[in-house]
């Protein structure tokens, strides 16, 4: 069982989609900021959170793949 689990909501799915997009964008922003600063710890923290998100949403787009692509662009 993933450590991070999405809780079902009776709220509008549009609102949930916006929240999920915001969280994902925040992880990407944190990763890029850490990469720019040369902070390996910050990069690893963002990658860990991305893997937790991916584990909790197995049918969704892979956030770790997005971070890998960003890492390859910087190289």
N, C-alpha and C. Protein backbone atom coordinates (compact mmCIF):
# COMPACT_ATOMS: atom_id res chain seq x y z
N UNK A 1 0.84 -1.17 0.00
CA UNK A 1 0.00 0.00 0.00
C UNK A 1 0.89 1.24 0.00
N UNK A 2 0.59 2.20 -0.87
CA UNK A 2 1.41 3.42 -0.91
C UNK A 2 1.26 4.23 0.38
N UNK A 3 2.30 4.93 0.70
CA UNK A 3 2.27 5.76 1.90
C UNK A 3 1.42 7.01 1.70
N UNK A 4 1.30 7.43 0.45
CA UNK A 4 0.50 8.59 0.11
C UNK A 4 -0.73 8.06 -0.62
N UNK A 5 -1.88 8.29 -0.09
CA UNK A 5 -3.10 7.77 -0.70
C UNK A 5 -4.08 8.91 -0.96
N UNK A 6 -4.72 8.83 -2.10
CA UNK A 6 -5.75 9.81 -2.41
C UNK A 6 -7.03 9.41 -1.69
N UNK A 7 -7.69 10.39 -1.13
CA UNK A 7 -8.93 10.14 -0.41
C UNK A 7 -10.09 10.49 -1.33
N UNK A 8 -11.01 9.56 -1.54
CA UNK A 8 -12.16 9.87 -2.40
C UNK A 8 -12.93 11.06 -1.85
N UNK A 9 -13.47 11.83 -2.77
CA UNK A 9 -14.20 13.02 -2.37
C UNK A 9 -15.50 13.10 -3.14
N UNK A 10 -16.49 13.68 -2.51
CA UNK A 10 -17.75 13.91 -3.19
C UNK A 10 -17.74 15.25 -3.92
N UNK A 11 -16.63 15.96 -3.80
CA UNK A 11 -16.51 17.26 -4.43
C UNK A 11 -16.38 17.14 -5.94
N UNK A 12 -16.45 18.26 -6.62
CA UNK A 12 -16.36 18.24 -8.07
C UNK A 12 -15.00 17.72 -8.54
N UNK A 13 -15.02 16.83 -9.52
CA UNK A 13 -13.78 16.26 -10.01
C UNK A 13 -12.90 17.31 -10.67
N UNK A 14 -13.51 18.37 -11.17
CA UNK A 14 -12.75 19.47 -11.77
C UNK A 14 -11.86 20.13 -10.72
N UNK A 15 -12.41 20.30 -9.54
CA UNK A 15 -11.63 20.91 -8.44
C UNK A 15 -10.49 19.99 -8.02
N UNK A 16 -10.76 18.70 -7.95
CA UNK A 16 -9.71 17.74 -7.59
C UNK A 16 -8.61 17.71 -8.64
N UNK A 17 -8.98 17.81 -9.90
CA UNK A 17 -7.99 17.83 -10.97
C UNK A 17 -7.09 19.05 -10.85
N UNK A 18 -7.67 20.19 -10.48
CA UNK A 18 -6.87 21.40 -10.30
C UNK A 18 -5.91 21.26 -9.13
N UNK A 19 -6.37 20.63 -8.06
CA UNK A 19 -5.50 20.42 -6.89
C UNK A 19 -4.36 19.49 -7.26
N UNK A 20 -4.67 18.40 -7.95
CA UNK A 20 -3.63 17.46 -8.36
C UNK A 20 -2.61 18.14 -9.27
N UNK A 21 -3.08 18.93 -10.22
CA UNK A 21 -2.17 19.64 -11.12
C UNK A 21 -1.27 20.60 -10.35
N UNK A 22 -1.83 21.24 -9.34
CA UNK A 22 -1.06 22.17 -8.53
C UNK A 22 0.03 21.46 -7.74
N UNK A 23 -0.30 20.31 -7.16
CA UNK A 23 0.69 19.54 -6.41
C UNK A 23 1.80 19.06 -7.33
N UNK A 24 1.42 18.55 -8.49
CA UNK A 24 2.41 18.06 -9.45
C UNK A 24 3.34 19.20 -9.90
N UNK A 25 2.74 20.36 -10.19
CA UNK A 25 3.54 21.52 -10.60
C UNK A 25 4.50 21.96 -9.51
N UNK A 26 4.06 21.86 -8.27
CA UNK A 26 4.90 22.22 -7.14
C UNK A 26 6.12 21.30 -7.03
N UNK A 27 5.90 20.02 -7.26
CA UNK A 27 7.01 19.06 -7.20
C UNK A 27 8.02 19.37 -8.32
N UNK A 28 7.50 19.65 -9.52
CA UNK A 28 8.39 19.97 -10.64
C UNK A 28 9.16 21.26 -10.35
N UNK A 29 8.48 22.26 -9.81
CA UNK A 29 9.13 23.53 -9.47
C UNK A 29 10.22 23.33 -8.43
N UNK A 30 9.92 22.53 -7.41
CA UNK A 30 10.92 22.25 -6.37
C UNK A 30 12.13 21.52 -6.96
N UNK A 31 11.86 20.57 -7.87
CA UNK A 31 12.95 19.82 -8.50
C UNK A 31 13.84 20.76 -9.31
N UNK A 32 13.22 21.62 -10.12
CA UNK A 32 14.00 22.55 -10.95
C UNK A 32 14.79 23.54 -10.11
N UNK A 33 14.20 24.03 -9.03
CA UNK A 33 14.91 24.95 -8.13
C UNK A 33 16.10 24.26 -7.50
N UNK A 34 15.93 23.03 -7.06
CA UNK A 34 17.03 22.28 -6.45
C UNK A 34 18.11 22.01 -7.48
N UNK A 35 17.69 21.69 -8.70
CA UNK A 35 18.66 21.42 -9.77
C UNK A 35 19.48 22.68 -10.08
N UNK A 36 18.80 23.81 -10.12
CA UNK A 36 19.49 25.07 -10.42
C UNK A 36 20.48 25.43 -9.31
N UNK A 37 20.13 25.14 -8.06
CA UNK A 37 21.01 25.44 -6.93
C UNK A 37 22.11 24.40 -6.76
N UNK A 38 21.96 23.26 -7.45
CA UNK A 38 22.92 22.19 -7.28
C UNK A 38 22.69 21.40 -6.00
N UNK A 39 21.46 21.42 -5.52
CA UNK A 39 21.11 20.74 -4.27
C UNK A 39 20.67 19.30 -4.56
N UNK A 40 21.57 18.37 -4.35
CA UNK A 40 21.24 16.97 -4.58
C UNK A 40 20.15 16.51 -3.62
N UNK A 41 20.21 16.96 -2.38
CA UNK A 41 19.19 16.59 -1.40
C UNK A 41 17.81 17.08 -1.85
N UNK A 42 17.73 18.29 -2.35
CA UNK A 42 16.46 18.83 -2.82
C UNK A 42 15.92 18.04 -4.01
N UNK A 43 16.82 17.66 -4.91
CA UNK A 43 16.41 16.86 -6.07
C UNK A 43 15.89 15.50 -5.63
N UNK A 44 16.61 14.88 -4.70
CA UNK A 44 16.19 13.57 -4.21
C UNK A 44 14.85 13.65 -3.48
N UNK A 45 14.63 14.73 -2.73
CA UNK A 45 13.36 14.90 -2.02
C UNK A 45 12.21 15.01 -3.02
N UNK A 46 12.40 15.79 -4.09
CA UNK A 46 11.36 15.93 -5.11
C UNK A 46 11.12 14.60 -5.82
N UNK A 47 12.20 13.86 -6.10
CA UNK A 47 12.06 12.56 -6.76
C UNK A 47 11.32 11.57 -5.86
N UNK A 48 11.60 11.61 -4.57
CA UNK A 48 10.92 10.72 -3.63
C UNK A 48 9.42 11.04 -3.59
N UNK A 49 9.10 12.31 -3.49
CA UNK A 49 7.69 12.71 -3.46
C UNK A 49 7.01 12.32 -4.78
N UNK A 50 7.69 12.50 -5.89
CA UNK A 50 7.13 12.11 -7.19
C UNK A 50 6.85 10.61 -7.23
N UNK A 51 7.74 9.81 -6.68
CA UNK A 51 7.51 8.37 -6.68
C UNK A 51 6.34 7.99 -5.79
N UNK A 52 6.16 8.72 -4.68
CA UNK A 52 5.02 8.48 -3.81
C UNK A 52 3.71 8.83 -4.52
N UNK A 53 3.72 9.93 -5.24
CA UNK A 53 2.54 10.33 -6.01
C UNK A 53 2.24 9.30 -7.09
N UNK A 54 3.28 8.84 -7.79
CA UNK A 54 3.09 7.83 -8.83
C UNK A 54 2.53 6.54 -8.26
N UNK A 55 3.01 6.14 -7.09
CA UNK A 55 2.51 4.92 -6.45
C UNK A 55 1.04 5.06 -6.06
N UNK A 56 0.63 6.26 -5.70
CA UNK A 56 -0.75 6.46 -5.25
C UNK A 56 -1.72 6.65 -6.42
N UNK A 57 -1.19 6.94 -7.59
CA UNK A 57 -2.04 7.11 -8.77
C UNK A 57 -1.47 6.29 -9.93
N UNK A 58 -1.59 4.97 -9.85
CA UNK A 58 -0.96 4.10 -10.86
C UNK A 58 -1.51 4.28 -12.27
N UNK A 59 -2.71 4.80 -12.41
CA UNK A 59 -3.29 4.96 -13.75
C UNK A 59 -3.02 6.34 -14.34
N UNK A 60 -2.43 7.21 -13.57
CA UNK A 60 -2.19 8.57 -14.04
C UNK A 60 -0.84 8.71 -14.72
N UNK A 61 -0.56 9.90 -15.23
CA UNK A 61 0.75 10.16 -15.84
C UNK A 61 1.85 10.05 -14.79
N UNK A 62 3.00 9.58 -15.20
CA UNK A 62 4.11 9.32 -14.27
C UNK A 62 4.90 10.62 -14.05
N UNK A 63 4.87 11.11 -12.84
CA UNK A 63 5.61 12.32 -12.50
C UNK A 63 7.12 12.05 -12.51
N UNK A 64 7.52 10.84 -12.16
CA UNK A 64 8.95 10.52 -12.19
C UNK A 64 9.49 10.57 -13.62
N UNK A 65 8.67 10.22 -14.60
CA UNK A 65 9.09 10.32 -16.00
C UNK A 65 9.30 11.78 -16.39
N UNK A 66 8.44 12.66 -15.89
CA UNK A 66 8.60 14.09 -16.17
C UNK A 66 9.91 14.61 -15.59
N UNK A 67 10.23 14.20 -14.36
CA UNK A 67 11.47 14.65 -13.74
C UNK A 67 12.68 14.09 -14.47
N UNK A 68 12.60 12.84 -14.93
CA UNK A 68 13.68 12.26 -15.71
C UNK A 68 13.91 13.04 -16.99
N UNK A 69 12.84 13.43 -17.66
CA UNK A 69 12.97 14.22 -18.88
C UNK A 69 13.62 15.56 -18.61
N UNK A 70 13.24 16.20 -17.51
CA UNK A 70 13.85 17.48 -17.14
C UNK A 70 15.33 17.32 -16.81
N UNK A 71 15.67 16.21 -16.17
CA UNK A 71 17.07 15.95 -15.84
C UNK A 71 17.89 15.78 -17.11
N UNK A 72 17.33 15.08 -18.09
CA UNK A 72 18.03 14.82 -19.34
C UNK A 72 18.18 16.11 -20.16
N UNK A 73 17.22 17.03 -20.06
CA UNK A 73 17.33 18.30 -20.77
C UNK A 73 18.48 19.14 -20.22
N UNK A 74 18.68 19.04 -18.91
CA UNK A 74 19.72 19.84 -18.26
C UNK A 74 21.12 19.29 -18.53
N UNK A 75 21.21 18.04 -18.91
CA UNK A 75 22.51 17.41 -19.12
C UNK A 75 23.14 17.79 -20.44
